[in-house]
Amino acid sequence: MASKSCLEIAFIFGLVLVCTNAEGKVFNVLSYGAKADGVTDNSKAFLKAWADACKWNGQAKLLIPLGVYMVNVVNFSGPCEKSTLTFQIKGIIKAPIDPKSFCNSSWISFQYINDLKIKGGGTLDGQGSFTWGKHQCSSMTLGFNFVNNTVVRDIHSINSKNIHFKVFACKNMTFSHVNVTAPRDSPNTDGIHISHSTNIHVLDSYIGTGDDCIAMIAGSNNINISGVTCGPGHGISIGSLGNSPNEVVKDIHVKNCTLIATQNGLRIKTWASSNVGNITNITFEDIIMEKVRNPIFIDQHYCPIHHCRKQPSSVQIKDVTFNNIRGSSSSRRAVILDCSALFSCEKINLNDINLAYHGRHGHAIAFCAHAKGKATGKELPPSCLKESLNSST
C-alpha cells in the first residue's frame, strides 16, 4: 500500500499504525494521539512516536505533519542502535510561554544518537517574546548533546527564549538551509552555539538574532562556516574564552559570508582577566560587510559585566588570517586588534582588507595593541600591524 494512502487511512480511522515508503517506516505523531490545534500538550504523543521509531530495525521517519503543535519539554534520547532516524517537521511546533518548567535547559533536545536527520521545512517557535526581560531563567530551543553524524536542514527557528540551536559534545554535524530569526533587541538569542564539538558545518543559511549569529566557545574544533547571511546580531564570534582553565578553540574556517548591520563582524573575544587558553589556526575569507559596527575585532579585554578584574588575558591567540574582507563599517575603527599585554597576538595576517567608513566625517582607521603579524594587498584602512608590540593609526 502506498505511504500516502496508508497515512490517509490512519488519519480517517484513528488507527495507530506505521507505513512503509522509500525512506522506511513512517511514525506519524497523529497516530499517537497528537492534536494539531495549537493548544493540546503533545509531549507524550511525540515521545511515544519517538520510542517506536528509535527501536525500529532499519530506516524510520518520525513525521510531524502540517498543523500547529504545542509541546512541552521533550528529550529524544538514544541510543537507537538498530534504527536510522529522520525527524521530519512539516508543521509548526510551539513552546510553552512559561519557561519555569525547563529553566536554563533545552525545550527540545536530542542526545546519544548517531545518524540522525532533521528536516522538513517546518518551524520551531520558542515564543520568546513573552519572556524576554521578564524572567531570570530562560531556555534554549533545540539542544544537541553527544549526537554524531547528524544533518539539520530546511528548518526554521523563530523567537527562541535563549539560544536557538545549542551543540555540545557532537561530532560530524551539518546545518544547511536553516533560517533563524529573532528581533535585534532579544537577549541572548544566539543562532548556533557550539562547544566541545568537532567537524561541525554551517552552510547556506540565514541567521538574524539579538546576539551572536554563530558562537564558537571552548572545545570547538574543525568548524566550517560558508554561505551564511548574518544580521541583525552580534556577528560571528569565537569566545569568550578564559573563564575556565585550558580552554581551546582551533581550526576554524569562515568563508563566503555576508554580515548586514551587525554589532560586530568577525570577532574573537577573551575575558579581560582569564585562565590560560589557546585560540589558533583561524581563517576568515571572502566576507562582505554592510554597515557593520566592528567588522574585524579581536577583543582580549572583554568584560560585559561590572567589577571585572582588569588584568591581561592569559589566552594566546595565534595564526589568524583575515583574507578579502570588504564592504563598509558603521564606525571609524573598522579594524580593532586589541590583544593581551601578557600574551600578544601572534601571526595575524591581513590580506586585501577593503573596509570603507560609512559615516559623515573622516575615514576608516585601524587600532592595534600587542598584535604581531603582517598586512599584504589592499589596506583600507591602512594597517597598524607592526613587528613592535604596540601601534595604532
Protein backbone atom coordinates (compact mmCIF):
# COMPACT_ATOMS: atom_id res chain seq x y z
CA MET A 1 0.00 0.00 0.00
CA ALA A 2 1.41 3.43 -0.89
CA SER A 3 2.53 5.55 2.04
CA LYS A 4 0.08 8.35 1.20
CA SER A 5 -2.92 6.00 1.25
CA CYS A 6 -1.74 4.40 4.45
CA LEU A 7 -1.45 7.75 6.19
CA GLU A 8 -4.86 8.85 4.93
CA ILE A 9 -6.47 5.68 6.28
CA ALA A 10 -4.71 6.10 9.63
CA PHE A 11 -5.95 9.68 9.92
CA ILE A 12 -9.55 8.86 8.91
CA PHE A 13 -9.99 5.86 11.18
CA GLY A 14 -7.71 6.96 14.03
CA LEU A 15 -5.56 3.88 13.65
CA VAL A 16 -2.20 3.59 15.38
CA LEU A 17 -0.02 2.18 12.67
CA VAL A 18 3.13 2.79 10.72
CA CYS A 19 3.52 2.99 6.98
CA THR A 20 6.20 2.00 4.55
CA ASN A 21 7.78 4.23 1.95
CA ALA A 22 11.13 4.62 0.28
CA GLU A 23 12.59 6.02 3.49
CA GLY A 24 11.42 3.11 5.61
CA LYS A 25 8.70 3.13 8.26
CA VAL A 26 6.75 6.34 8.96
CA PHE A 27 5.73 7.05 12.55
CA ASN A 28 3.12 9.80 12.33
CA VAL A 29 2.56 11.67 15.61
CA LEU A 30 -1.15 11.96 14.74
CA SER A 31 -1.36 8.18 15.05
CA TYR A 32 -0.12 8.51 18.63
CA GLY A 33 -2.79 10.97 19.70
CA ALA A 34 -1.19 14.28 18.78
CA LYS A 35 -3.57 17.14 18.02
CA ALA A 36 -2.60 19.97 15.71
CA ASP A 37 -4.79 22.54 17.46
CA GLY A 38 -2.05 24.75 18.89
CA VAL A 39 -3.34 24.18 22.44
CA THR A 40 -3.07 20.50 23.40
CA ASP A 41 0.20 19.41 25.02
CA ASN A 42 1.55 16.83 22.57
CA SER A 43 4.67 15.90 24.53
CA LYS A 44 3.55 12.33 25.34
CA ALA A 45 2.45 11.65 21.75
CA PHE A 46 5.77 12.87 20.39
CA LEU A 47 7.75 10.77 22.86
CA LYS A 48 5.70 7.62 22.14
CA ALA A 49 6.28 8.04 18.41
CA TRP A 50 9.98 8.55 19.09
CA ALA A 51 10.21 5.41 21.24
CA ASP A 52 8.79 3.25 18.47
CA ALA A 53 10.90 4.88 15.75
CA CYS A 54 14.04 4.58 17.86
CA LYS A 55 13.69 0.83 18.34
CA TRP A 56 12.71 0.13 14.73
CA ASN A 57 15.12 -2.16 12.90
CA GLY A 58 16.00 -0.15 9.78
CA GLN A 59 15.13 3.27 8.39
CA ALA A 60 12.49 5.15 10.32
CA LYS A 61 10.82 8.54 9.93
CA LEU A 62 9.06 10.37 12.72
CA LEU A 63 6.59 12.65 10.93
CA ILE A 64 5.07 15.86 12.27
CA PRO A 65 2.54 16.80 9.59
CA LEU A 66 1.23 20.27 8.77
CA GLY A 67 -0.53 21.97 11.65
CA VAL A 68 0.34 23.72 14.90
CA TYR A 69 1.51 21.54 17.80
CA MET A 70 2.03 22.72 21.36
CA VAL A 71 4.82 20.73 23.03
CA ASN A 72 6.29 20.98 26.50
CA VAL A 73 9.79 19.77 27.36
CA VAL A 74 10.78 16.71 25.32
CA ASN A 75 14.05 14.81 25.34
CA PHE A 76 14.57 12.47 22.39
CA SER A 77 17.22 10.12 23.66
CA GLY A 78 19.09 7.21 22.19
CA PRO A 79 20.93 5.10 21.51
CA CYS A 80 18.76 3.95 18.64
CA GLU A 81 21.10 1.11 17.79
CA LYS A 82 19.14 -0.54 15.00
CA SER A 83 17.36 2.48 13.57
CA THR A 84 18.48 5.20 11.15
CA LEU A 85 16.23 8.10 12.03
CA THR A 86 14.69 11.01 10.13
CA PHE A 87 12.83 13.58 12.20
CA GLN A 88 10.60 15.34 9.67
CA ILE A 89 8.94 18.57 10.77
CA LYS A 90 6.37 19.91 8.34
CA GLY A 91 4.19 21.76 10.81
CA ILE A 92 4.80 24.38 13.50
CA ILE A 93 5.91 23.31 16.98
CA LYS A 94 5.27 25.86 19.72
CA ALA A 95 6.93 26.09 23.12
CA PRO A 96 5.05 26.90 26.32
CA ILE A 97 5.03 30.58 27.18
CA ASP A 98 6.14 30.00 30.78
CA PRO A 99 9.76 28.74 30.90
CA LYS A 100 9.76 27.70 34.56
CA SER A 101 9.29 24.01 33.79
CA PHE A 102 12.52 23.95 31.79
CA CYS A 103 14.54 26.81 33.22
CA ASN A 104 18.06 27.12 31.78
CA SER A 105 17.78 23.91 29.79
CA SER A 106 16.57 22.88 26.35
CA TRP A 107 12.95 22.89 25.31
CA ILE A 108 13.59 20.13 22.75
CA SER A 109 16.74 18.03 22.97
CA PHE A 110 18.38 15.13 21.17
CA GLN A 111 21.07 13.13 22.92
CA TYR A 112 23.19 10.00 22.50
CA ILE A 113 22.12 9.40 18.90
CA ASN A 114 24.03 8.54 15.72
CA ASP A 115 22.91 9.00 12.11
CA LEU A 116 20.07 11.46 12.59
CA LYS A 117 18.39 13.74 10.04
CA ILE A 118 16.15 16.64 10.99
CA LYS A 119 14.38 18.29 8.06
CA GLY A 120 11.01 19.10 6.54
CA GLY A 121 10.61 22.86 6.15
CA GLY A 122 8.74 23.25 9.44
CA THR A 123 9.13 25.80 12.22
CA LEU A 124 10.15 25.76 15.87
CA ASP A 125 8.52 28.70 17.66
CA GLY A 126 10.12 29.38 21.05
CA GLN A 127 7.59 32.13 21.87
CA GLY A 128 10.39 34.08 23.50
CA SER A 129 8.72 37.47 23.21
CA PHE A 130 6.59 36.61 26.24
CA THR A 131 9.68 36.09 28.43
CA TRP A 132 12.46 38.38 27.17
CA GLY A 133 13.47 40.64 30.03
CA LYS A 134 10.78 39.24 32.32
CA HIS A 135 12.36 36.05 33.66
CA GLN A 136 15.81 35.34 35.04
CA CYS A 137 15.59 31.83 33.69
CA SER A 138 15.20 31.00 30.04
CA SER A 139 15.50 28.02 27.74
CA MET A 140 17.21 27.00 24.54
CA THR A 141 15.02 25.91 21.67
CA LEU A 142 16.91 22.88 20.37
CA GLY A 143 19.80 21.18 22.15
CA PHE A 144 22.13 18.53 20.72
CA ASN A 145 24.21 16.58 23.23
CA PHE A 146 26.53 13.71 22.26
CA VAL A 147 24.96 13.47 18.81
CA ASN A 148 27.07 12.24 15.89
CA ASN A 149 26.69 12.09 12.10
CA THR A 150 23.71 14.42 12.03
CA VAL A 151 22.15 16.66 9.38
CA VAL A 152 19.80 19.54 10.14
CA ARG A 153 18.37 21.19 7.03
CA ASP A 154 15.38 23.22 5.86
CA ILE A 155 14.28 24.07 9.40
CA HIS A 156 13.08 27.44 10.73
CA SER A 157 13.59 28.59 14.31
CA ILE A 158 11.93 31.77 15.49
CA ASN A 159 11.88 33.76 18.73
CA SER A 160 13.82 31.42 20.97
CA LYS A 161 13.72 32.25 24.65
CA ASN A 162 17.52 31.93 24.65
CA ILE A 163 19.91 30.13 22.26
CA HIS A 164 18.20 28.70 19.17
CA PHE A 165 20.48 25.70 18.44
CA LYS A 166 22.99 24.54 21.04
CA VAL A 167 25.61 21.97 20.02
CA PHE A 168 27.56 20.25 22.81
CA ALA A 169 29.92 17.26 22.57
CA CYS A 170 28.88 16.43 19.00
CA LYS A 171 30.82 15.12 16.00
CA ASN A 172 30.22 15.30 12.25
CA MET A 173 27.21 17.57 12.15
CA THR A 174 25.89 19.74 9.30
CA PHE A 175 23.40 22.59 9.38
CA SER A 176 22.24 23.68 5.94
CA HIS A 177 19.46 25.95 4.72
CA VAL A 178 18.34 26.77 8.24
CA ASN A 179 16.56 30.04 8.90
CA VAL A 180 16.93 31.53 12.38
CA THR A 181 15.19 34.77 13.36
CA ALA A 182 14.65 36.84 16.47
CA PRO A 183 14.44 40.63 16.94
CA ARG A 184 17.57 42.74 17.23
CA ASP A 185 16.84 43.53 20.87
CA SER A 186 16.04 39.97 22.02
CA PRO A 187 18.55 38.99 24.75
CA ASN A 188 20.95 36.04 24.42
CA THR A 189 19.25 34.58 21.36
CA ASP A 190 22.39 33.13 19.74
CA GLY A 191 21.63 31.41 16.45
CA ILE A 192 24.00 28.42 16.66
CA HIS A 193 26.14 27.97 19.78
CA ILE A 194 28.93 25.38 19.52
CA SER A 195 31.12 23.93 22.28
CA HIS A 196 33.28 20.82 22.78
CA SER A 197 32.38 19.63 19.30
CA THR A 198 34.34 18.55 16.23
CA ASN A 199 33.72 18.71 12.48
CA ILE A 200 30.67 20.96 12.53
CA HIS A 201 29.48 22.62 9.29
CA VAL A 202 27.07 25.54 8.91
CA LEU A 203 26.16 26.10 5.25
CA ASP A 204 23.93 28.34 3.14
CA SER A 205 21.78 29.65 5.96
CA TYR A 206 20.23 32.88 7.22
CA ILE A 207 20.64 33.86 10.87
CA GLY A 208 19.35 37.10 12.36
CA THR A 209 19.09 37.41 16.16
CA GLY A 210 19.72 39.62 19.16
CA ASP A 211 23.08 38.01 19.94
CA ASP A 212 25.80 36.09 18.09
CA CYS A 213 24.68 34.61 14.79
CA ILE A 214 27.18 31.81 15.39
CA ALA A 215 29.23 31.42 18.57
CA MET A 216 32.13 29.01 18.96
CA ILE A 217 33.35 28.60 22.51
CA ALA A 218 35.65 26.22 24.38
CA GLY A 219 36.33 22.90 22.65
CA SER A 220 35.19 23.98 19.19
CA ASN A 221 37.44 22.22 16.70
CA ASN A 222 37.34 21.92 12.91
CA ILE A 223 34.35 24.20 12.33
CA ASN A 224 33.45 25.22 8.77
CA ILE A 225 31.03 28.08 8.07
CA SER A 226 30.14 29.01 4.49
CA GLY A 227 27.37 30.86 2.70
CA VAL A 228 25.82 32.32 5.85
CA THR A 229 24.00 35.65 5.87
CA CYS A 230 24.09 37.20 9.33
CA GLY A 231 22.06 40.15 10.57
CA PRO A 232 20.87 41.55 12.82
CA GLY A 233 23.03 40.25 15.65
CA HIS A 234 26.47 40.41 17.18
CA GLY A 235 28.25 38.74 14.27
CA ILE A 236 30.25 35.51 14.00
CA SER A 237 32.16 35.07 17.25
CA ILE A 238 34.88 32.93 18.74
CA GLY A 239 34.69 33.05 22.52
CA SER A 240 34.53 34.30 25.02
CA LEU A 241 37.40 32.14 26.28
CA GLY A 242 39.37 32.06 29.52
CA ASN A 243 36.58 31.58 32.02
CA SER A 244 37.92 28.09 32.85
CA PRO A 245 41.49 26.71 32.61
CA ASN A 246 42.90 25.36 29.33
CA GLU A 247 40.03 26.27 27.02
CA VAL A 248 40.93 25.79 23.35
CA VAL A 249 39.37 26.73 20.02
CA LYS A 250 41.19 25.71 16.84
CA ASP A 251 40.86 25.03 13.12
CA ILE A 252 38.01 27.40 12.29
CA HIS A 253 37.25 28.35 8.66
CA VAL A 254 34.67 31.01 7.83
CA LYS A 255 34.19 31.92 4.16
CA ASN A 256 31.75 33.41 1.64
CA CYS A 257 29.54 35.01 4.29
CA THR A 258 27.67 38.33 4.41
CA LEU A 259 27.12 40.38 7.55
CA ILE A 260 24.49 43.12 7.44
CA ALA A 261 24.22 45.89 10.06
CA THR A 262 25.55 43.68 12.85
CA GLN A 263 27.16 44.96 16.02
CA ASN A 264 30.33 43.03 15.23
CA GLY A 265 31.57 41.26 12.15
CA LEU A 266 34.31 38.69 12.72
CA ARG A 267 35.07 38.71 16.43
CA ILE A 268 37.45 36.86 18.75
CA LYS A 269 36.96 37.63 22.43
CA THR A 270 38.62 36.57 25.67
CA TRP A 271 37.95 37.65 29.22
CA ALA A 272 39.86 40.67 30.48
CA SER A 273 41.23 38.56 33.30
CA SER A 274 41.37 34.93 32.28
CA ASN A 275 42.75 31.48 32.76
CA VAL A 276 45.31 30.07 30.34
CA GLY A 277 43.91 29.02 26.96
CA ASN A 278 44.56 28.95 23.20
CA ILE A 279 42.87 30.12 20.01
CA THR A 280 44.75 29.01 16.91
CA ASN A 281 44.50 28.35 13.17
CA ILE A 282 41.58 30.62 12.37
CA THR A 283 40.71 31.75 8.82
CA PHE A 284 38.12 34.32 7.74
CA GLU A 285 37.97 34.84 3.99
CA ASP A 286 35.78 36.28 1.24
CA ILE A 287 33.48 38.11 3.64
CA ILE A 288 31.17 41.02 2.76
CA MET A 289 30.34 43.62 5.42
CA GLU A 290 27.41 46.01 5.07
CA LYS A 291 27.39 48.81 7.67
CA VAL A 292 28.90 46.60 10.37
CA ARG A 293 29.95 48.42 13.52
CA ASN A 294 33.16 46.47 14.25
CA PRO A 295 33.97 44.47 11.10
CA ILE A 296 37.27 42.95 12.31
CA PHE A 297 37.53 42.73 16.08
CA ILE A 298 39.93 40.92 18.40
CA ASP A 299 38.97 41.84 21.95
CA GLN A 300 41.09 40.46 24.77
CA HIS A 301 39.59 42.89 27.25
CA TYR A 302 36.07 41.50 27.06
CA CYS A 303 34.07 42.42 30.16
CA PRO A 304 30.28 42.69 29.71
CA ILE A 305 29.69 42.76 33.46
CA HIS A 306 30.64 45.18 36.19
CA HIS A 307 33.58 44.76 38.53
CA CYS A 308 35.80 42.73 36.20
CA ARG A 309 39.42 42.49 37.23
CA LYS A 310 41.31 44.49 34.64
CA GLN A 311 44.25 42.12 34.30
CA PRO A 312 45.73 40.94 30.98
CA SER A 313 44.16 37.92 29.36
CA SER A 314 46.13 34.67 29.52
CA VAL A 315 44.61 33.27 26.32
CA GLN A 316 47.10 33.01 23.45
CA ILE A 317 45.72 33.96 20.03
CA LYS A 318 47.86 32.77 17.13
CA ASP A 319 47.69 32.10 13.36
CA VAL A 320 44.64 34.16 12.47
CA THR A 321 44.05 35.19 8.84
CA PHE A 322 41.60 37.79 7.52
CA ASN A 323 41.57 37.50 3.73
CA ASN A 324 39.48 39.51 1.27
CA ILE A 325 37.25 41.24 3.80
CA ARG A 326 35.36 44.04 2.06
CA GLY A 327 32.44 46.40 2.44
CA SER A 328 31.57 49.13 4.91
CA SER A 329 31.97 49.91 8.59
CA SER A 330 29.46 51.99 10.53
CA SER A 331 32.22 53.09 12.93
CA ARG A 332 35.57 54.67 12.12
CA ARG A 333 37.54 51.86 13.76
CA ALA A 334 36.98 49.24 11.09
CA VAL A 335 39.85 47.05 12.35
CA ILE A 336 40.48 46.54 16.07
CA LEU A 337 43.21 44.16 17.21
CA ASP A 338 43.17 44.74 20.97
CA CYS A 339 45.35 41.92 22.24
CA SER A 340 46.75 40.94 25.61
CA ALA A 341 49.83 42.62 27.10
CA LEU A 342 50.70 39.27 28.69
CA PHE A 343 50.34 37.08 25.56
CA SER A 344 50.48 39.20 22.43
CA CYS A 345 48.56 38.02 19.36
CA GLU A 346 50.98 36.20 17.05
CA LYS A 347 50.94 35.66 13.28
CA ILE A 348 47.96 37.85 12.49
CA ASN A 349 47.61 38.08 8.71
CA LEU A 350 45.59 40.80 6.97
CA ASN A 351 45.29 40.39 3.21
CA ASP A 352 43.14 42.50 0.89
CA ILE A 353 41.16 44.40 3.50
CA ASN A 354 38.84 46.96 1.92
CA LEU A 355 36.53 48.47 4.53
CA ALA A 356 35.22 51.98 3.97
CA TYR A 357 33.76 54.09 6.77
CA HIS A 358 30.04 54.56 6.25
CA GLY A 359 29.67 57.87 8.05
CA ARG A 360 29.58 61.60 7.56
CA HIS A 361 33.07 62.61 8.60
CA GLY A 362 36.53 61.10 8.41
CA HIS A 363 37.76 57.81 7.06
CA ALA A 364 38.19 54.27 8.39
CA ILE A 365 41.08 53.66 10.76
CA ALA A 366 42.70 50.66 12.43
CA PHE A 367 43.78 50.15 16.02
CA CYS A 368 46.33 47.63 17.25
CA ALA A 369 47.65 46.79 20.69
CA HIS A 370 50.08 43.94 21.34
CA ALA A 371 49.43 42.46 17.88
CA LYS A 372 52.14 40.95 15.68
CA GLY A 373 51.73 39.98 12.06
CA LYS A 374 51.72 41.34 8.52
CA ALA A 375 49.44 43.04 6.04
CA THR A 376 49.50 42.45 2.29
CA GLY A 377 47.44 43.51 -0.70
CA LYS A 378 44.75 46.16 -0.29
CA GLU A 379 44.98 48.06 3.00
CA LEU A 380 41.85 50.06 3.76
CA PRO A 381 42.04 51.18 6.47
CA PRO A 382 45.84 51.41 6.50
CA SER A 383 47.16 48.53 8.57
CA CYS A 384 48.50 49.16 12.05
CA LEU A 385 50.23 45.79 12.31
CA LYS A 386 53.91 46.19 13.14
CA GLU A 387 56.68 43.99 14.33
CA SER A 388 56.66 46.05 17.51
CA LEU A 389 54.05 45.12 20.09
CA ASN A 390 52.08 48.36 20.20
CA SER A 391 50.85 50.65 17.45
CA SER A 392 47.73 52.50 16.40
CA THR A 393 46.59 54.62 13.48
